[in-house]
Amino acid sequence: MLEANSLKSLKQEAEVNSCDDQVWLRLARACYQQVNWEEAIAAYDRAIDIRHQYAAENYDPSNILVTSSSNISNSNEDGSSSLDEAFTYYQETLEIESEYAVFYLHYGYFLRDQLQISAAELAFHKCLEINPELAESFLELGNIEYNRCNYAASVQYFQNALVHKPEYAEAYCNIGNCLALQGQFEEAITCYEQAYAINPNLPELSQKLNKIYNRFVPRWHFPMMNDTYRNDCYEKTLQKLVKPDSIVLDIGSGSGLLALMAARAGAKQVYTCEKVNVIANIARQIVEANGYSQQITTFNKLSDDLKVGEDLAEPADILVSEIFDVGLLAEYAVPSIRHAREHLLKPSAKIIPRAATVYAALVDSQDVFHTDRVNMVSGFDLSFFNTFSKKEDYLQLFLRNFKHKILCQPFEVFEFDFCGANIKPENRKIAVQITQNGNCHAIAFWFRLWLDDEIYLDTSPLSQDTCWMQAVHIVDPPNVVHAGQEVVVLASHDTTYIDLKLDE
């Protein structure tokens, strides 16, 4: 830190040499070091004024050709022209101005940290008046508008910062913040990823990326990938069907696991598509990391948007997919497979899975019922809250985790042949024999997925656990049933959703 006596000495020197810009510049720097902002600004102002006055007197751009032609008559004693001297002095003035702009930037930081936001804003604008290319000032002005929730203005400032400093990680990150707050999550991810590529150590950037990734990647992906039973069944089927000349189409890449299995089984070429951009990007990285990027092509598209001749070199010999939710149909498996058969597969193509069978059972379980219903609690009637209960949709849960009683033998609801005629909506009435007395609180259903004629996956609560839970339709109000009684279940599907209810 500069000694007080030295600062006093500089002030005295500036008074004596009031027209010496270098003295005023040294004084400005000294005041700056002492965090004496007002005196520093005044000293910088004086230095710049002196410079500009001299430049104006000795350098007139409009007369440059005239002055240049008379350089000899205007030469100094040492042979240099006054124009040369003026030009050099003018360049030095610009250098001081550049330093002056940086000073205003730091002054703005100080005011910002003191929460004097309006004053800080003026300082950052002054900085840009002096040096319109100082990206840091654009960034700070963008931050001010961001804190005012003026996101459009904020983004414009950040984009201006990137014009002058293309590798500005903070600007990319801050644009991502604005986009995320406006619900433009995929665009926000792109900005965050650009920031991460430049500076992966930017504070809180990894957390922001992870938080927004989680909006696009449901947690069920992890138990699904770790489901050994599921994975082994798919791999055994692929190993049976894939030949060295096979072209395989995988709908719903996810991590790329099924595509990798098909490649390892010896497929000539594997095409895999994933509609969620961030998942598709990770799938590509996983494929490359495992050494299969020559065999596997990953598209960030819905399968409905793929075209033979543009995306696929030729129709596929094998379709593999695992786009089945706990209720089988809600991930649009039926229309996706139908489209693939009509537009992306050879007529003789194998389809994995080839079929599915849906089963159901009536369940007595207060615990299941009250996962989505409420009545009397602590002596109060809270039943109005049932306005928010699911009335048409099914719950997703592991039945084994709830105390329950099965009131009938499991019964078949629907069969779906993915290789046969187009699947159409269907309604059925199913007579069910009650085997135990109880209250029917719910109808649970599950499925058996036939990967080929021999290998299948079973999501029944009566067999081993899988990554799939059971789908459960609540019966409200519960129905009292008796052993030997026959009840009728109304079953329907529209190819994307299965609905089950008791006939009244």
Protein backbone atom coordinates (compact mmCIF):
# COMPACT_ATOMS: atom_id res chain seq x y z
CA MET A 1 0.00 0.00 0.00
CA LEU A 2 1.27 3.45 -0.89
CA GLU A 3 2.58 5.52 2.04
CA ALA A 4 0.52 8.59 3.04
CA ASN A 5 3.59 10.84 2.59
CA SER A 6 4.07 9.59 -0.99
CA LEU A 7 0.44 10.37 -1.81
CA LYS A 8 0.81 13.84 -0.30
CA SER A 9 3.95 14.36 -2.35
CA LEU A 10 2.17 13.37 -5.56
CA LYS A 11 -0.63 15.81 -4.86
CA GLN A 12 1.88 18.62 -4.37
CA GLU A 13 3.66 17.66 -7.60
CA ALA A 14 0.35 17.73 -9.49
CA GLU A 15 -0.40 21.23 -8.18
CA VAL A 16 2.98 22.47 -9.34
CA ASN A 17 2.80 20.67 -12.72
CA SER A 18 -0.88 21.15 -13.39
CA CYS A 19 -0.50 20.52 -17.14
CA ASP A 20 1.59 17.34 -16.89
CA ASP A 21 -0.75 14.45 -17.66
CA GLN A 22 1.80 11.85 -16.46
CA VAL A 23 1.87 13.36 -12.98
CA TRP A 24 -1.91 13.30 -12.78
CA LEU A 25 -1.92 9.70 -14.03
CA ARG A 26 0.51 8.64 -11.25
CA LEU A 27 -1.68 10.44 -8.72
CA ALA A 28 -4.80 8.69 -10.04
CA ARG A 29 -3.15 5.27 -9.68
CA ALA A 30 -2.01 6.12 -6.17
CA CYS A 31 -5.53 7.17 -5.12
CA TYR A 32 -6.89 4.03 -6.72
CA GLN A 33 -4.55 1.91 -4.59
CA GLN A 34 -5.75 3.78 -1.52
CA VAL A 35 -9.40 3.09 -2.54
CA ASN A 36 -9.89 6.84 -2.65
CA TRP A 37 -12.37 6.69 -5.51
CA GLU A 38 -13.42 10.32 -5.81
CA GLU A 39 -9.86 11.71 -5.90
CA ALA A 40 -8.80 8.90 -8.27
CA ILE A 41 -11.58 9.74 -10.70
CA ALA A 42 -10.77 13.46 -10.52
CA ALA A 43 -7.08 12.75 -11.22
CA TYR A 44 -7.90 10.45 -14.15
CA ASP A 45 -10.27 13.09 -15.54
CA ARG A 46 -7.51 15.69 -15.37
CA ALA A 47 -5.00 13.40 -17.12
CA ILE A 48 -7.44 12.65 -19.92
CA ASP A 49 -8.41 16.31 -20.32
CA ILE A 50 -4.77 17.28 -20.75
CA ARG A 51 -4.23 14.53 -23.30
CA HIS A 52 -7.30 15.37 -25.33
CA GLN A 53 -6.54 19.06 -25.33
CA TYR A 54 -3.05 18.44 -26.66
CA ALA A 55 -4.30 15.97 -29.28
CA ALA A 56 -6.98 18.42 -30.46
CA GLU A 57 -4.39 21.17 -30.85
CA ASN A 58 -1.87 19.03 -32.73
CA TYR A 59 -3.90 16.41 -34.55
CA ASP A 60 -6.82 17.25 -36.81
CA PRO A 61 -7.89 14.19 -38.86
CA SER A 62 -9.70 16.42 -41.40
CA ASN A 63 -6.40 18.13 -42.29
CA ILE A 64 -4.16 15.07 -42.22
CA LEU A 65 -3.26 15.18 -45.93
CA VAL A 66 -2.52 18.90 -45.86
CA THR A 67 -0.42 18.54 -42.73
CA SER A 68 1.39 15.55 -44.17
CA SER A 69 2.33 17.48 -47.31
CA SER A 70 3.89 20.24 -45.21
CA ASN A 71 5.76 18.01 -42.77
CA ILE A 72 9.11 19.53 -43.72
CA SER A 73 8.07 23.07 -42.83
CA ASN A 74 6.58 21.84 -39.54
CA SER A 75 9.52 19.77 -38.49
CA ASN A 76 10.90 19.98 -34.99
CA GLU A 77 14.57 20.62 -34.33
CA ASP A 78 15.29 16.89 -34.12
CA GLY A 79 13.76 16.29 -37.55
CA SER A 80 10.44 14.79 -36.38
CA SER A 81 7.20 16.38 -37.53
CA SER A 82 4.60 17.82 -35.20
CA LEU A 83 2.09 15.48 -36.85
CA ASP A 84 4.16 12.43 -35.90
CA GLU A 85 4.46 13.72 -32.38
CA ALA A 86 0.74 14.43 -32.19
CA PHE A 87 -0.12 10.98 -33.53
CA THR A 88 2.14 9.26 -30.99
CA TYR A 89 0.65 11.37 -28.23
CA TYR A 90 -2.85 10.53 -29.40
CA GLN A 91 -2.05 6.79 -29.29
CA GLU A 92 -0.77 7.19 -25.75
CA THR A 93 -4.00 8.99 -24.91
CA LEU A 94 -5.97 5.98 -26.09
CA GLU A 95 -3.83 3.75 -23.88
CA ILE A 96 -4.63 5.94 -20.88
CA GLU A 97 -8.31 5.84 -21.80
CA SER A 98 -8.16 2.05 -21.90
CA GLU A 99 -6.70 2.01 -18.42
CA TYR A 100 -9.26 4.61 -17.40
CA ALA A 101 -12.07 2.27 -18.60
CA VAL A 102 -10.69 -0.58 -16.51
CA PHE A 103 -10.58 1.75 -13.53
CA TYR A 104 -14.29 2.52 -13.98
CA LEU A 105 -14.92 -1.23 -14.20
CA HIS A 106 -13.28 -1.83 -10.83
CA TYR A 107 -15.02 1.19 -9.41
CA GLY A 108 -18.30 -0.38 -10.54
CA TYR A 109 -17.32 -3.63 -8.80
CA PHE A 110 -16.74 -1.68 -5.60
CA LEU A 111 -20.09 0.09 -5.82
CA ARG A 112 -21.84 -3.18 -6.67
CA ASP A 113 -20.35 -4.87 -3.63
CA GLN A 114 -21.52 -1.94 -1.51
CA LEU A 115 -25.04 -2.52 -2.97
CA GLN A 116 -25.00 0.91 -4.61
CA ILE A 117 -26.48 -0.59 -7.76
CA SER A 118 -27.54 2.58 -9.58
CA ALA A 119 -24.11 4.13 -9.06
CA ALA A 120 -22.45 0.90 -10.17
CA GLU A 121 -24.60 0.86 -13.30
CA LEU A 122 -23.44 4.39 -14.17
CA ALA A 123 -19.83 3.34 -13.67
CA PHE A 124 -20.21 0.35 -16.02
CA HIS A 125 -21.87 2.53 -18.66
CA LYS A 126 -19.06 5.09 -18.32
CA CYS A 127 -16.62 2.26 -18.80
CA LEU A 128 -18.30 1.34 -22.09
CA GLU A 129 -18.35 4.96 -23.24
CA ILE A 130 -14.57 4.94 -22.92
CA ASN A 131 -14.01 1.40 -24.19
CA PRO A 132 -17.06 -0.08 -26.01
CA GLU A 133 -15.32 -3.46 -26.29
CA LEU A 134 -14.83 -4.22 -22.60
CA ALA A 135 -16.80 -7.46 -22.21
CA GLU A 136 -16.67 -7.40 -18.41
CA SER A 137 -18.79 -4.23 -18.31
CA PHE A 138 -21.43 -5.83 -20.53
CA LEU A 139 -21.45 -8.81 -18.18
CA GLU A 140 -22.01 -6.64 -15.12
CA LEU A 141 -24.79 -4.65 -16.76
CA GLY A 142 -26.39 -7.94 -17.74
CA ASN A 143 -26.19 -9.10 -14.13
CA ILE A 144 -27.92 -5.91 -12.98
CA GLU A 145 -30.79 -6.44 -15.43
CA TYR A 146 -30.96 -10.12 -14.42
CA ASN A 147 -31.45 -9.15 -10.79
CA ARG A 148 -34.24 -6.83 -11.92
CA CYS A 149 -35.85 -9.79 -13.76
CA ASN A 150 -35.39 -7.98 -17.09
CA TYR A 151 -34.25 -11.16 -18.81
CA ALA A 152 -34.43 -9.97 -22.42
CA ALA A 153 -32.20 -6.95 -21.67
CA SER A 154 -29.94 -9.15 -19.57
CA VAL A 155 -29.43 -11.69 -22.38
CA GLN A 156 -28.65 -8.86 -24.82
CA TYR A 157 -25.87 -7.57 -22.56
CA PHE A 158 -24.43 -11.07 -22.15
CA GLN A 159 -24.51 -11.61 -25.91
CA ASN A 160 -22.69 -8.29 -26.39
CA ALA A 161 -20.05 -9.53 -23.95
CA LEU A 162 -19.59 -12.66 -26.10
CA VAL A 163 -19.14 -10.55 -29.24
CA HIS A 164 -16.02 -9.02 -27.70
CA LYS A 165 -14.93 -12.08 -25.70
CA PRO A 166 -16.14 -15.26 -27.43
CA GLU A 167 -14.65 -17.62 -24.82
CA TYR A 168 -16.46 -15.97 -21.91
CA ALA A 169 -17.76 -18.84 -19.78
CA GLU A 170 -19.54 -16.54 -17.32
CA ALA A 171 -21.58 -14.94 -20.12
CA TYR A 172 -22.71 -18.33 -21.46
CA CYS A 173 -23.60 -19.45 -17.94
CA ASN A 174 -25.58 -16.30 -17.25
CA ILE A 175 -27.54 -16.61 -20.48
CA GLY A 176 -28.33 -20.16 -19.36
CA ASN A 177 -29.65 -18.77 -16.06
CA CYS A 178 -31.99 -16.39 -17.90
CA LEU A 179 -33.28 -19.10 -20.22
CA ALA A 180 -33.83 -21.57 -17.40
CA LEU A 181 -35.91 -19.05 -15.45
CA GLN A 182 -38.08 -18.55 -18.54
CA GLY A 183 -38.64 -22.30 -18.95
CA GLN A 184 -36.40 -22.60 -22.03
CA PHE A 185 -34.58 -25.55 -20.54
CA GLU A 186 -33.02 -27.18 -23.60
CA GLU A 187 -31.61 -23.83 -24.75
CA ALA A 188 -30.34 -23.26 -21.21
CA ILE A 189 -28.56 -26.61 -21.25
CA THR A 190 -26.81 -25.67 -24.50
CA CYS A 191 -25.48 -22.48 -22.88
CA TYR A 192 -24.43 -24.26 -19.69
CA GLU A 193 -22.62 -26.91 -21.72
CA GLN A 194 -20.79 -24.22 -23.72
CA ALA A 195 -19.74 -22.60 -20.46
CA TYR A 196 -18.62 -25.97 -19.08
CA ALA A 197 -16.52 -26.67 -22.18
CA ILE A 198 -14.66 -23.38 -21.60
CA ASN A 199 -14.37 -23.52 -17.81
CA PRO A 200 -15.64 -26.66 -16.03
CA ASN A 201 -14.58 -25.15 -12.69
CA LEU A 202 -16.92 -22.16 -12.91
CA PRO A 203 -18.59 -21.90 -9.48
CA GLU A 204 -21.98 -23.67 -9.24
CA LEU A 205 -21.99 -24.51 -12.97
CA SER A 206 -21.91 -28.28 -12.42
CA GLN A 207 -24.78 -28.03 -9.94
CA LYS A 208 -26.84 -25.94 -12.36
CA LEU A 209 -26.25 -28.42 -15.17
CA ASN A 210 -27.15 -31.35 -12.95
CA LYS A 211 -30.31 -29.67 -11.71
CA ILE A 212 -31.57 -28.93 -15.20
CA TYR A 213 -30.52 -32.36 -16.51
CA ASN A 214 -32.79 -33.86 -13.87
CA ARG A 215 -35.77 -32.14 -15.48
CA PHE A 216 -35.20 -34.23 -18.59
CA VAL A 217 -33.96 -37.50 -17.13
CA PRO A 218 -36.46 -39.23 -14.80
CA ARG A 219 -34.97 -41.28 -11.95
CA TRP A 220 -36.43 -44.53 -13.29
CA HIS A 221 -33.62 -44.66 -15.85
CA PHE A 222 -31.20 -45.81 -13.16
CA PRO A 223 -33.11 -48.83 -11.78
CA MET A 224 -33.94 -49.72 -15.40
CA MET A 225 -30.29 -49.76 -16.45
CA ASN A 226 -29.37 -51.72 -13.33
CA ASP A 227 -32.11 -54.33 -13.83
CA THR A 228 -30.00 -57.41 -14.52
CA TYR A 229 -33.06 -59.57 -15.26
CA ARG A 230 -34.29 -57.15 -17.91
CA ASN A 231 -30.86 -56.66 -19.44
CA ASP A 232 -30.07 -60.37 -19.62
CA CYS A 233 -33.38 -61.15 -21.33
CA TYR A 234 -32.82 -58.49 -23.98
CA GLU A 235 -29.23 -59.52 -24.60
CA LYS A 236 -30.11 -63.23 -24.95
CA THR A 237 -32.79 -62.34 -27.49
CA LEU A 238 -30.45 -60.10 -29.50
CA GLN A 239 -27.77 -62.76 -29.53
CA LYS A 240 -30.31 -65.24 -30.92
CA LEU A 241 -31.61 -62.96 -33.68
CA VAL A 242 -28.70 -60.74 -34.76
CA LYS A 243 -26.67 -61.94 -37.75
CA PRO A 244 -23.45 -60.47 -39.20
CA ASP A 245 -25.38 -58.64 -41.93
CA SER A 246 -28.18 -57.40 -39.65
CA ILE A 247 -29.29 -53.79 -39.67
CA VAL A 248 -30.80 -53.00 -36.26
CA LEU A 249 -33.08 -50.11 -35.32
CA ASP A 250 -33.35 -49.26 -31.60
CA ILE A 251 -36.22 -46.94 -30.64
CA GLY A 252 -35.60 -45.01 -27.42
CA SER A 253 -31.83 -44.94 -26.97
CA GLY A 254 -31.69 -43.96 -23.31
CA SER A 255 -28.13 -44.78 -22.30
CA GLY A 256 -27.58 -46.63 -25.58
CA LEU A 257 -27.49 -49.98 -23.78
CA LEU A 258 -29.67 -51.97 -26.20
CA ALA A 259 -27.83 -50.50 -29.19
CA LEU A 260 -24.53 -51.54 -27.60
CA MET A 261 -25.87 -55.06 -27.01
CA ALA A 262 -26.94 -55.30 -30.66
CA ALA A 263 -23.50 -54.13 -31.81
CA ARG A 264 -21.76 -56.58 -29.52
CA ALA A 265 -23.99 -59.35 -30.86
CA GLY A 266 -22.42 -58.67 -34.26
CA ALA A 267 -24.84 -56.37 -36.08
CA LYS A 268 -23.48 -54.78 -39.24
CA GLN A 269 -25.06 -51.42 -38.38
CA VAL A 270 -27.20 -50.13 -35.51
CA TYR A 271 -29.38 -47.03 -35.67
CA THR A 272 -30.72 -45.69 -32.40
CA CYS A 273 -32.96 -42.67 -31.79
CA GLU A 274 -33.70 -40.63 -28.68
CA LYS A 275 -36.10 -37.68 -28.55
CA VAL A 276 -34.51 -35.97 -25.51
CA ASN A 277 -31.48 -34.02 -26.68
CA VAL A 278 -29.41 -34.24 -23.49
CA ILE A 279 -29.94 -38.01 -23.28
CA ALA A 280 -29.06 -38.44 -26.96
CA ASN A 281 -25.82 -36.52 -26.41
CA ILE A 282 -24.85 -38.72 -23.46
CA ALA A 283 -25.75 -41.85 -25.43
CA ARG A 284 -23.32 -40.78 -28.16
CA GLN A 285 -20.58 -40.29 -25.57
CA ILE A 286 -21.29 -43.72 -24.06
CA VAL A 287 -21.20 -45.38 -27.49
CA GLU A 288 -17.89 -43.69 -28.30
CA ALA A 289 -16.38 -44.51 -24.89
CA ASN A 290 -17.22 -48.17 -25.42
CA GLY A 291 -15.65 -48.25 -28.88
CA TYR A 292 -18.77 -48.74 -31.01
CA SER A 293 -19.11 -45.36 -32.74
CA GLN A 294 -18.39 -46.94 -36.15
CA GLN A 295 -21.24 -49.42 -35.75
CA ILE A 296 -23.81 -47.26 -33.97
CA THR A 297 -25.42 -44.04 -35.20
CA THR A 298 -27.42 -42.05 -32.66
CA PHE A 299 -30.17 -39.66 -33.73
CA ASN A 300 -31.75 -36.96 -31.59
CA LYS A 301 -35.15 -37.59 -33.17
CA LEU A 302 -38.43 -39.36 -32.66
CA SER A 303 -38.53 -42.57 -34.67
CA ASP A 304 -41.49 -41.09 -36.57
CA ASP A 305 -39.09 -38.49 -38.00
CA LEU A 306 -36.52 -40.99 -39.28
CA LYS A 307 -36.39 -41.66 -43.00
CA VAL A 308 -34.81 -44.44 -45.01
CA GLY A 309 -32.36 -42.94 -47.50
CA GLU A 310 -31.73 -39.92 -45.30
CA ASP A 311 -31.11 -41.29 -41.81
CA LEU A 312 -31.07 -45.06 -42.39
CA ALA A 313 -29.10 -46.27 -45.38
CA GLU A 314 -31.61 -49.10 -45.80
CA PRO A 315 -34.60 -50.58 -43.94
CA ALA A 316 -33.75 -52.45 -40.76
CA ASP A 317 -33.81 -56.24 -40.29
CA ILE A 318 -34.49 -56.03 -36.55
CA LEU A 319 -36.42 -53.58 -34.41
CA VAL A 320 -35.59 -53.52 -30.69
CA SER A 321 -37.29 -51.20 -28.22
CA GLU A 322 -38.01 -50.84 -24.55
CA ILE A 323 -40.48 -47.98 -24.53
CA PHE A 324 -42.93 -49.47 -22.05
CA ASP A 325 -44.12 -47.81 -18.86
CA VAL A 326 -45.61 -49.67 -15.88
CA GLY A 327 -48.98 -49.59 -17.69
CA LEU A 328 -47.30 -50.91 -20.88
CA LEU A 329 -48.68 -48.45 -23.46
CA ALA A 330 -48.17 -44.89 -22.19
CA GLU A 331 -44.78 -44.36 -23.88
CA TYR A 332 -46.50 -44.75 -27.27
CA ALA A 333 -45.02 -48.15 -28.03
CA VAL A 334 -47.91 -49.24 -30.27
CA PRO A 335 -47.91 -46.24 -32.67
CA SER A 336 -44.09 -46.16 -32.70
CA ILE A 337 -43.83 -49.84 -33.65
CA ARG A 338 -46.59 -49.46 -36.23
CA HIS A 339 -44.80 -46.53 -37.88
CA ALA A 340 -41.50 -48.40 -37.89
CA ARG A 341 -43.11 -51.44 -39.54
CA GLU A 342 -44.63 -49.29 -42.25
CA HIS A 343 -41.65 -47.01 -42.97
CA LEU A 344 -38.38 -48.22 -41.44
CA LEU A 345 -38.32 -52.03 -41.47
CA LYS A 346 -38.01 -54.75 -44.07
CA PRO A 347 -41.21 -56.83 -44.46
CA SER A 348 -39.49 -59.83 -42.87
CA ALA A 349 -38.02 -57.85 -39.96
CA LYS A 350 -37.94 -59.31 -36.46
CA ILE A 351 -39.48 -57.21 -33.69
CA ILE A 352 -38.24 -57.28 -30.08
CA PRO A 353 -40.51 -57.60 -28.16
CA ARG A 354 -42.88 -59.45 -30.44
CA ALA A 355 -45.91 -59.40 -28.08
CA ALA A 356 -47.25 -58.54 -24.64
CA THR A 357 -49.96 -59.88 -22.35
CA VAL A 358 -51.61 -57.76 -19.67
CA TYR A 359 -52.86 -59.31 -16.42
CA ALA A 360 -54.79 -57.84 -13.49
CA ALA A 361 -56.14 -58.63 -10.03
CA LEU A 362 -58.55 -57.07 -7.55
CA VAL A 363 -56.80 -55.90 -4.38
CA ASP A 364 -57.88 -55.27 -0.79
CA SER A 365 -55.51 -52.68 0.71
CA GLN A 366 -56.30 -49.68 2.86
CA ASP A 367 -52.61 -48.72 2.54
CA VAL A 368 -52.77 -48.58 -1.25
CA PHE A 369 -56.08 -46.71 -1.17
CA HIS A 370 -54.70 -44.05 1.16
CA THR A 371 -51.63 -43.34 -0.96
CA ASP A 372 -53.99 -41.18 -3.00
CA ARG A 373 -57.07 -40.64 -0.82
CA VAL A 374 -57.80 -39.07 2.59
CA ASN A 375 -60.90 -38.97 4.84
CA MET A 376 -60.91 -38.41 8.62
CA VAL A 377 -57.57 -37.35 10.11
CA SER A 378 -57.13 -36.44 13.80
CA GLY A 379 -60.88 -35.95 14.07
CA PHE A 380 -61.09 -33.66 11.04
CA ASP A 381 -62.76 -34.34 7.69
CA LEU A 382 -60.13 -33.73 5.02
CA SER A 383 -62.00 -35.43 2.20
CA PHE A 384 -62.22 -32.20 0.17
CA PHE A 385 -58.51 -32.70 -0.51
CA ASN A 386 -59.48 -35.69 -2.66
CA THR A 387 -60.17 -33.09 -5.35
CA PHE A 388 -56.46 -33.59 -6.12
CA SER A 389 -56.59 -37.40 -6.18
CA LYS A 390 -56.09 -39.27 -9.43
CA LYS A 391 -59.51 -40.09 -10.81
CA GLU A 392 -58.69 -41.58 -14.20
CA ASP A 393 -54.95 -42.16 -14.20
CA TYR A 394 -53.28 -45.10 -12.48
CA LEU A 395 -50.79 -45.02 -9.62
CA GLN A 396 -47.35 -46.54 -10.01
CA LEU A 397 -46.12 -48.57 -7.04
CA PHE A 398 -44.61 -51.84 -5.90
CA LEU A 399 -47.56 -53.75 -4.49
CA ARG A 400 -45.21 -55.80 -2.29
CA ASN A 401 -44.41 -52.65 -0.29
CA PHE A 402 -48.02 -52.39 0.95
CA LYS A 403 -50.05 -54.61 3.19
CA HIS A 404 -52.58 -56.12 0.79
CA LYS A 405 -54.76 -59.12 -0.06
CA ILE A 406 -55.43 -60.46 -3.57
CA LEU A 407 -59.19 -61.05 -3.89
CA CYS A 408 -59.18 -63.18 -7.06
CA GLN A 409 -56.98 -65.23 -9.32
CA PRO A 410 -54.98 -62.99 -11.68
CA PHE A 411 -56.81 -62.73 -14.99
CA GLU A 412 -55.82 -61.85 -18.53
CA VAL A 413 -56.93 -58.44 -19.75
CA PHE A 414 -55.42 -57.83 -23.21
CA GLU A 415 -52.98 -59.40 -25.64
CA PHE A 416 -50.92 -57.27 -27.99
CA ASP A 417 -49.22 -58.77 -31.05
CA PHE A 418 -46.64 -56.24 -32.26
CA CYS A 419 -45.90 -58.36 -35.34
CA GLY A 420 -49.50 -58.95 -36.45
CA ALA A 421 -52.29 -56.75 -37.72
CA ASN A 422 -52.39 -53.12 -36.61
CA ILE A 423 -53.50 -52.84 -32.99
CA LYS A 424 -56.76 -50.92 -32.59
CA PRO A 425 -58.58 -49.52 -29.53
CA GLU A 426 -60.58 -52.12 -27.65
CA ASN A 427 -63.23 -52.43 -24.93
CA ARG A 428 -63.92 -55.60 -22.98
CA LYS A 429 -66.10 -56.83 -20.16
CA ILE A 430 -64.34 -59.43 -18.04
CA ALA A 431 -66.15 -61.64 -15.54
CA VAL A 432 -64.01 -62.16 -12.43
CA GLN A 433 -64.63 -64.77 -9.71
CA ILE A 434 -63.94 -63.49 -6.18
CA THR A 435 -61.95 -65.98 -4.06
CA GLN A 436 -61.77 -64.08 -0.73
CA ASN A 437 -64.04 -61.81 1.26
CA GLY A 438 -62.86 -58.23 1.49
CA ASN A 439 -63.05 -54.66 0.25
CA CYS A 440 -61.91 -54.02 -3.29
CA HIS A 441 -59.81 -50.87 -2.97
CA ALA A 442 -57.95 -51.17 -6.26
CA ILE A 443 -57.36 -53.04 -9.49
CA ALA A 444 -53.66 -53.69 -10.05
CA PHE A 445 -52.30 -54.68 -13.44
CA TRP A 446 -48.96 -55.69 -14.95
CA PHE A 447 -47.65 -57.33 -18.12
CA ARG A 448 -45.57 -60.11 -19.58
CA LEU A 449 -43.33 -58.90 -22.39
CA TRP A 450 -42.53 -61.62 -24.92
CA LEU A 451 -39.14 -60.76 -26.44
CA ASP A 452 -39.39 -63.80 -28.71
CA ASP A 453 -41.29 -67.11 -28.55
CA GLU A 454 -39.35 -68.28 -25.49
CA ILE A 455 -37.82 -65.35 -23.62
CA TYR A 456 -40.10 -63.04 -21.67
CA LEU A 457 -40.07 -60.39 -18.95
CA ASP A 458 -42.72 -60.53 -16.23
CA THR A 459 -43.61 -57.49 -14.12
CA SER A 460 -46.06 -59.35 -11.88
CA PRO A 461 -46.05 -58.62 -8.13
CA LEU A 462 -46.13 -62.40 -7.69
CA SER A 463 -42.75 -62.95 -9.38
CA GLN A 464 -39.29 -61.43 -9.06
CA ASP A 465 -38.81 -57.69 -8.79
CA THR A 466 -38.05 -55.71 -11.93
CA CYS A 467 -37.48 -52.04 -12.70
CA TRP A 468 -41.19 -51.84 -13.50
CA MET A 469 -43.66 -51.26 -10.70
CA GLN A 470 -47.31 -52.24 -10.97
CA ALA A 471 -50.03 -49.96 -12.31
CA VAL A 472 -52.93 -49.49 -9.88
CA HIS A 473 -56.39 -48.04 -10.53
CA ILE A 474 -58.07 -46.97 -7.27
CA VAL A 475 -61.67 -48.11 -6.75
CA ASP A 476 -63.49 -45.22 -5.08
CA PRO A 477 -65.61 -45.87 -3.17
CA PRO A 478 -64.27 -49.34 -2.33
CA ASN A 479 -66.59 -52.27 -3.13
CA VAL A 480 -67.39 -54.97 -0.58
CA VAL A 481 -66.99 -58.39 -2.22
CA HIS A 482 -67.53 -61.99 -1.08
CA ALA A 483 -65.91 -65.30 -1.98
CA GLY A 484 -67.84 -66.97 -4.81
CA GLN A 485 -69.24 -63.66 -6.07
CA GLU A 486 -68.76 -62.71 -9.72
CA VAL A 487 -67.93 -59.11 -10.58
CA VAL A 488 -67.42 -57.49 -13.97
CA VAL A 489 -64.32 -55.49 -14.85
CA LEU A 490 -64.61 -52.96 -17.66
CA ALA A 491 -61.32 -52.92 -19.56
CA SER A 492 -60.43 -50.53 -22.36
CA HIS A 493 -57.41 -49.14 -24.18
CA ASP A 494 -56.87 -46.58 -26.94
CA THR A 495 -53.42 -48.02 -27.90
CA THR A 496 -51.68 -45.58 -25.52
CA TYR A 497 -53.47 -46.08 -22.18
CA ILE A 498 -55.18 -48.97 -20.35
CA ASP A 499 -58.19 -48.23 -18.14
CA LEU A 500 -59.74 -50.70 -15.67
CA LYS A 501 -62.81 -50.18 -13.48
CA LEU A 502 -65.56 -52.20 -11.82
CA ASP A 503 -68.92 -52.31 -13.57
CA GLU A 504 -71.49 -50.64 -11.35
